[in-house]
Amino acid sequence: MDKNNAFEGALSINDMVFEYVTFMHSSSLISYEGKKRTVLGDIYLDQQANQLAIIITEPELYMKLTNEKYQSERVLLHQD
């Protein structure tokens, strides 16, 4: 994918809203709060961007989603 296929916008996961995120296929899912940059995990999209999978690697978000401490295991969020 080229830069024209990058996503920039808001993302909500459960009740958490990330006002500005950016990603493209097979890249990091990055959230920005002002100048603060946080890598939330990895994201993968199909060619038409109809399906996506997010692998959460950010420890605080992992804890919020699973109620477990992050131990380099990953939570896969899948949307069809």
N, C-alpha and C. Protein backbone atom coordinates (compact mmCIF):
# COMPACT_ATOMS: atom_id res chain seq x y z
N MET A 1 0.84 -1.19 0.00
CA MET A 1 0.00 0.00 0.00
C MET A 1 0.88 1.24 0.00
N ASP A 2 0.45 2.25 -0.70
CA ASP A 2 1.19 3.49 -0.68
C ASP A 2 0.58 4.45 0.35
N LYS A 3 1.17 5.62 0.50
CA LYS A 3 0.70 6.57 1.51
C LYS A 3 -0.73 7.01 1.27
N ASN A 4 -1.23 6.92 0.02
CA ASN A 4 -2.61 7.30 -0.24
C ASN A 4 -3.59 6.35 0.42
N ASN A 5 -3.15 5.16 0.82
CA ASN A 5 -4.02 4.18 1.46
C ASN A 5 -3.89 4.20 2.98
N ALA A 6 -3.23 5.18 3.53
CA ALA A 6 -3.10 5.29 4.98
C ALA A 6 -4.41 5.85 5.56
N PHE A 7 -4.75 5.40 6.76
CA PHE A 7 -5.93 5.88 7.47
C PHE A 7 -5.48 6.89 8.51
N GLU A 8 -6.20 7.98 8.60
CA GLU A 8 -6.01 8.96 9.67
C GLU A 8 -7.39 9.35 10.15
N GLY A 9 -7.63 9.23 11.45
CA GLY A 9 -8.94 9.59 11.99
C GLY A 9 -9.11 9.05 13.39
N ALA A 10 -10.34 8.99 13.84
CA ALA A 10 -10.67 8.51 15.19
C ALA A 10 -10.92 7.01 15.15
N LEU A 11 -10.68 6.35 16.29
CA LEU A 11 -10.91 4.92 16.43
C LEU A 11 -11.45 4.68 17.82
N SER A 12 -12.51 3.87 17.93
CA SER A 12 -13.00 3.48 19.25
C SER A 12 -12.92 1.97 19.39
N ILE A 13 -12.45 1.56 20.56
CA ILE A 13 -12.37 0.15 20.92
C ILE A 13 -13.12 0.02 22.23
N ASN A 14 -14.22 -0.73 22.20
CA ASN A 14 -15.13 -0.80 23.34
C ASN A 14 -15.54 0.62 23.70
N ASP A 15 -15.32 1.06 24.93
CA ASP A 15 -15.72 2.42 25.32
C ASP A 15 -14.55 3.40 25.29
N MET A 16 -13.42 3.00 24.73
CA MET A 16 -12.25 3.88 24.65
C MET A 16 -12.19 4.52 23.27
N VAL A 17 -12.03 5.82 23.24
CA VAL A 17 -11.95 6.55 21.98
C VAL A 17 -10.56 7.15 21.85
N PHE A 18 -9.93 6.89 20.72
CA PHE A 18 -8.65 7.47 20.37
C PHE A 18 -8.95 8.50 19.29
N GLU A 19 -8.81 9.78 19.65
CA GLU A 19 -9.24 10.86 18.78
C GLU A 19 -8.46 10.93 17.47
N TYR A 20 -7.19 10.58 17.50
CA TYR A 20 -6.41 10.64 16.26
C TYR A 20 -5.48 9.44 16.20
N VAL A 21 -5.72 8.57 15.23
CA VAL A 21 -4.85 7.43 14.98
C VAL A 21 -4.45 7.43 13.51
N THR A 22 -3.37 6.75 13.23
CA THR A 22 -2.92 6.61 11.85
C THR A 22 -2.39 5.19 11.66
N PHE A 23 -2.68 4.62 10.49
CA PHE A 23 -2.16 3.31 10.16
C PHE A 23 -2.32 3.03 8.69
N MET A 24 -1.62 2.04 8.22
CA MET A 24 -1.81 1.46 6.90
C MET A 24 -1.61 -0.04 7.07
N HIS A 25 -1.91 -0.83 6.06
CA HIS A 25 -1.80 -2.28 6.15
C HIS A 25 -0.42 -2.71 6.64
N SER A 26 -0.41 -3.67 7.52
CA SER A 26 0.81 -4.29 8.02
C SER A 26 1.76 -3.26 8.63
N SER A 27 1.18 -2.38 9.45
CA SER A 27 1.98 -1.36 10.12
C SER A 27 1.56 -1.26 11.57
N SER A 28 2.17 -0.33 12.26
CA SER A 28 1.79 -0.07 13.65
C SER A 28 0.54 0.79 13.68
N LEU A 29 -0.31 0.52 14.67
CA LEU A 29 -1.47 1.36 14.94
C LEU A 29 -0.99 2.41 15.94
N ILE A 30 -0.95 3.65 15.52
CA ILE A 30 -0.36 4.71 16.33
C ILE A 30 -1.44 5.71 16.72
N SER A 31 -1.48 6.05 18.01
CA SER A 31 -2.42 7.04 18.53
C SER A 31 -1.64 8.29 18.94
N TYR A 32 -2.22 9.45 18.68
CA TYR A 32 -1.62 10.72 19.07
C TYR A 32 -2.58 11.48 19.98
N GLU A 33 -2.06 11.96 21.10
CA GLU A 33 -2.77 12.89 21.97
C GLU A 33 -1.87 14.10 22.07
N GLY A 34 -2.17 15.13 21.29
CA GLY A 34 -1.27 16.27 21.19
C GLY A 34 0.04 15.78 20.59
N LYS A 35 1.14 16.02 21.30
CA LYS A 35 2.45 15.57 20.81
C LYS A 35 2.81 14.18 21.31
N LYS A 36 1.99 13.61 22.21
CA LYS A 36 2.26 12.28 22.76
C LYS A 36 1.88 11.21 21.73
N ARG A 37 2.83 10.35 21.40
CA ARG A 37 2.65 9.28 20.41
C ARG A 37 2.67 7.95 21.15
N THR A 38 1.66 7.10 20.91
CA THR A 38 1.58 5.79 21.53
C THR A 38 1.34 4.74 20.46
N VAL A 39 2.18 3.71 20.44
CA VAL A 39 1.96 2.58 19.53
C VAL A 39 1.04 1.60 20.27
N LEU A 40 -0.17 1.43 19.75
CA LEU A 40 -1.16 0.57 20.38
C LEU A 40 -0.96 -0.90 20.01
N GLY A 41 -0.43 -1.15 18.84
CA GLY A 41 -0.23 -2.52 18.38
C GLY A 41 0.02 -2.55 16.89
N ASP A 42 -0.20 -3.70 16.30
CA ASP A 42 -0.02 -3.91 14.87
C ASP A 42 -1.40 -4.05 14.23
N ILE A 43 -1.52 -3.63 12.97
CA ILE A 43 -2.80 -3.72 12.28
C ILE A 43 -2.61 -4.30 10.89
N TYR A 44 -3.58 -5.11 10.49
CA TYR A 44 -3.54 -5.76 9.18
C TYR A 44 -4.91 -5.59 8.53
N LEU A 45 -4.92 -5.20 7.26
CA LEU A 45 -6.15 -4.99 6.50
C LEU A 45 -6.15 -5.88 5.27
N ASP A 46 -7.35 -6.23 4.79
CA ASP A 46 -7.41 -6.91 3.49
C ASP A 46 -7.29 -5.85 2.38
N GLN A 47 -7.18 -6.28 1.15
CA GLN A 47 -6.95 -5.37 0.01
C GLN A 47 -8.02 -4.27 -0.09
N GLN A 48 -9.27 -4.61 0.18
CA GLN A 48 -10.35 -3.64 0.05
C GLN A 48 -10.63 -2.89 1.35
N ALA A 49 -9.88 -3.18 2.38
CA ALA A 49 -10.06 -2.57 3.71
C ALA A 49 -11.45 -2.87 4.27
N ASN A 50 -11.99 -4.05 3.95
CA ASN A 50 -13.28 -4.48 4.49
C ASN A 50 -13.10 -5.22 5.81
N GLN A 51 -11.96 -5.84 6.00
CA GLN A 51 -11.68 -6.58 7.22
C GLN A 51 -10.36 -6.10 7.80
N LEU A 52 -10.29 -6.10 9.12
CA LEU A 52 -9.04 -5.73 9.76
C LEU A 52 -8.80 -6.58 10.99
N ALA A 53 -7.55 -6.69 11.36
CA ALA A 53 -7.16 -7.38 12.59
C ALA A 53 -6.16 -6.49 13.30
N ILE A 54 -6.34 -6.31 14.61
CA ILE A 54 -5.43 -5.50 15.42
C ILE A 54 -4.83 -6.41 16.48
N ILE A 55 -3.52 -6.39 16.58
CA ILE A 55 -2.82 -7.13 17.65
C ILE A 55 -2.37 -6.09 18.67
N ILE A 56 -2.97 -6.11 19.84
CA ILE A 56 -2.69 -5.12 20.89
C ILE A 56 -1.38 -5.47 21.58
N THR A 57 -0.45 -4.50 21.60
CA THR A 57 0.84 -4.70 22.26
C THR A 57 1.11 -3.65 23.33
N GLU A 58 0.27 -2.63 23.43
CA GLU A 58 0.46 -1.57 24.42
C GLU A 58 -0.06 -2.07 25.76
N PRO A 59 0.82 -2.15 26.79
CA PRO A 59 0.45 -2.80 28.06
C PRO A 59 -0.78 -2.23 28.76
N GLU A 60 -0.95 -0.91 28.80
CA GLU A 60 -2.09 -0.32 29.50
C GLU A 60 -3.40 -0.65 28.79
N LEU A 61 -3.43 -0.56 27.48
CA LEU A 61 -4.61 -0.92 26.71
C LEU A 61 -4.90 -2.41 26.83
N TYR A 62 -3.87 -3.23 26.78
CA TYR A 62 -4.03 -4.67 26.96
C TYR A 62 -4.73 -4.97 28.28
N MET A 63 -4.28 -4.30 29.36
CA MET A 63 -4.87 -4.50 30.69
C MET A 63 -6.33 -4.07 30.70
N LYS A 64 -6.65 -2.95 30.07
CA LYS A 64 -8.04 -2.48 30.02
C LYS A 64 -8.95 -3.45 29.28
N LEU A 65 -8.43 -4.07 28.24
CA LEU A 65 -9.24 -4.99 27.43
C LEU A 65 -9.37 -6.38 28.02
N THR A 66 -8.35 -6.84 28.74
CA THR A 66 -8.33 -8.22 29.21
C THR A 66 -8.38 -8.38 30.73
N ASN A 67 -8.15 -7.29 31.47
CA ASN A 67 -8.01 -7.34 32.93
C ASN A 67 -6.85 -8.23 33.35
N GLU A 68 -5.87 -8.38 32.48
CA GLU A 68 -4.67 -9.16 32.77
C GLU A 68 -3.44 -8.33 32.45
N LYS A 69 -2.35 -8.63 33.14
CA LYS A 69 -1.10 -7.93 32.90
C LYS A 69 -0.52 -8.38 31.55
N TYR A 70 0.00 -7.43 30.79
CA TYR A 70 0.61 -7.73 29.50
C TYR A 70 1.90 -8.51 29.72
N GLN A 71 2.04 -9.66 29.06
CA GLN A 71 3.24 -10.49 29.19
C GLN A 71 3.68 -10.96 27.81
N SER A 72 3.81 -10.04 26.90
CA SER A 72 4.16 -10.25 25.50
C SER A 72 3.23 -11.18 24.75
N GLU A 73 2.12 -11.52 25.35
CA GLU A 73 1.07 -12.18 24.61
C GLU A 73 0.25 -11.10 23.97
N ARG A 74 -0.58 -11.45 23.03
CA ARG A 74 -1.32 -10.43 22.30
C ARG A 74 -2.81 -10.71 22.29
N VAL A 75 -3.58 -9.63 22.25
CA VAL A 75 -5.03 -9.74 22.10
C VAL A 75 -5.34 -9.38 20.66
N LEU A 76 -6.04 -10.24 19.97
CA LEU A 76 -6.40 -10.00 18.58
C LEU A 76 -7.84 -9.51 18.51
N LEU A 77 -8.03 -8.30 18.00
CA LEU A 77 -9.35 -7.77 17.75
C LEU A 77 -9.62 -7.95 16.27
N HIS A 78 -10.75 -8.58 15.93
CA HIS A 78 -11.04 -8.90 14.54
C HIS A 78 -12.39 -8.32 14.18
N GLN A 79 -12.47 -7.64 13.05
CA GLN A 79 -13.72 -7.04 12.59
C GLN A 79 -13.99 -7.49 11.17
N ASP A 80 -15.19 -8.03 10.92
CA ASP A 80 -15.59 -8.44 9.56
C ASP A 80 -16.46 -7.39 8.96
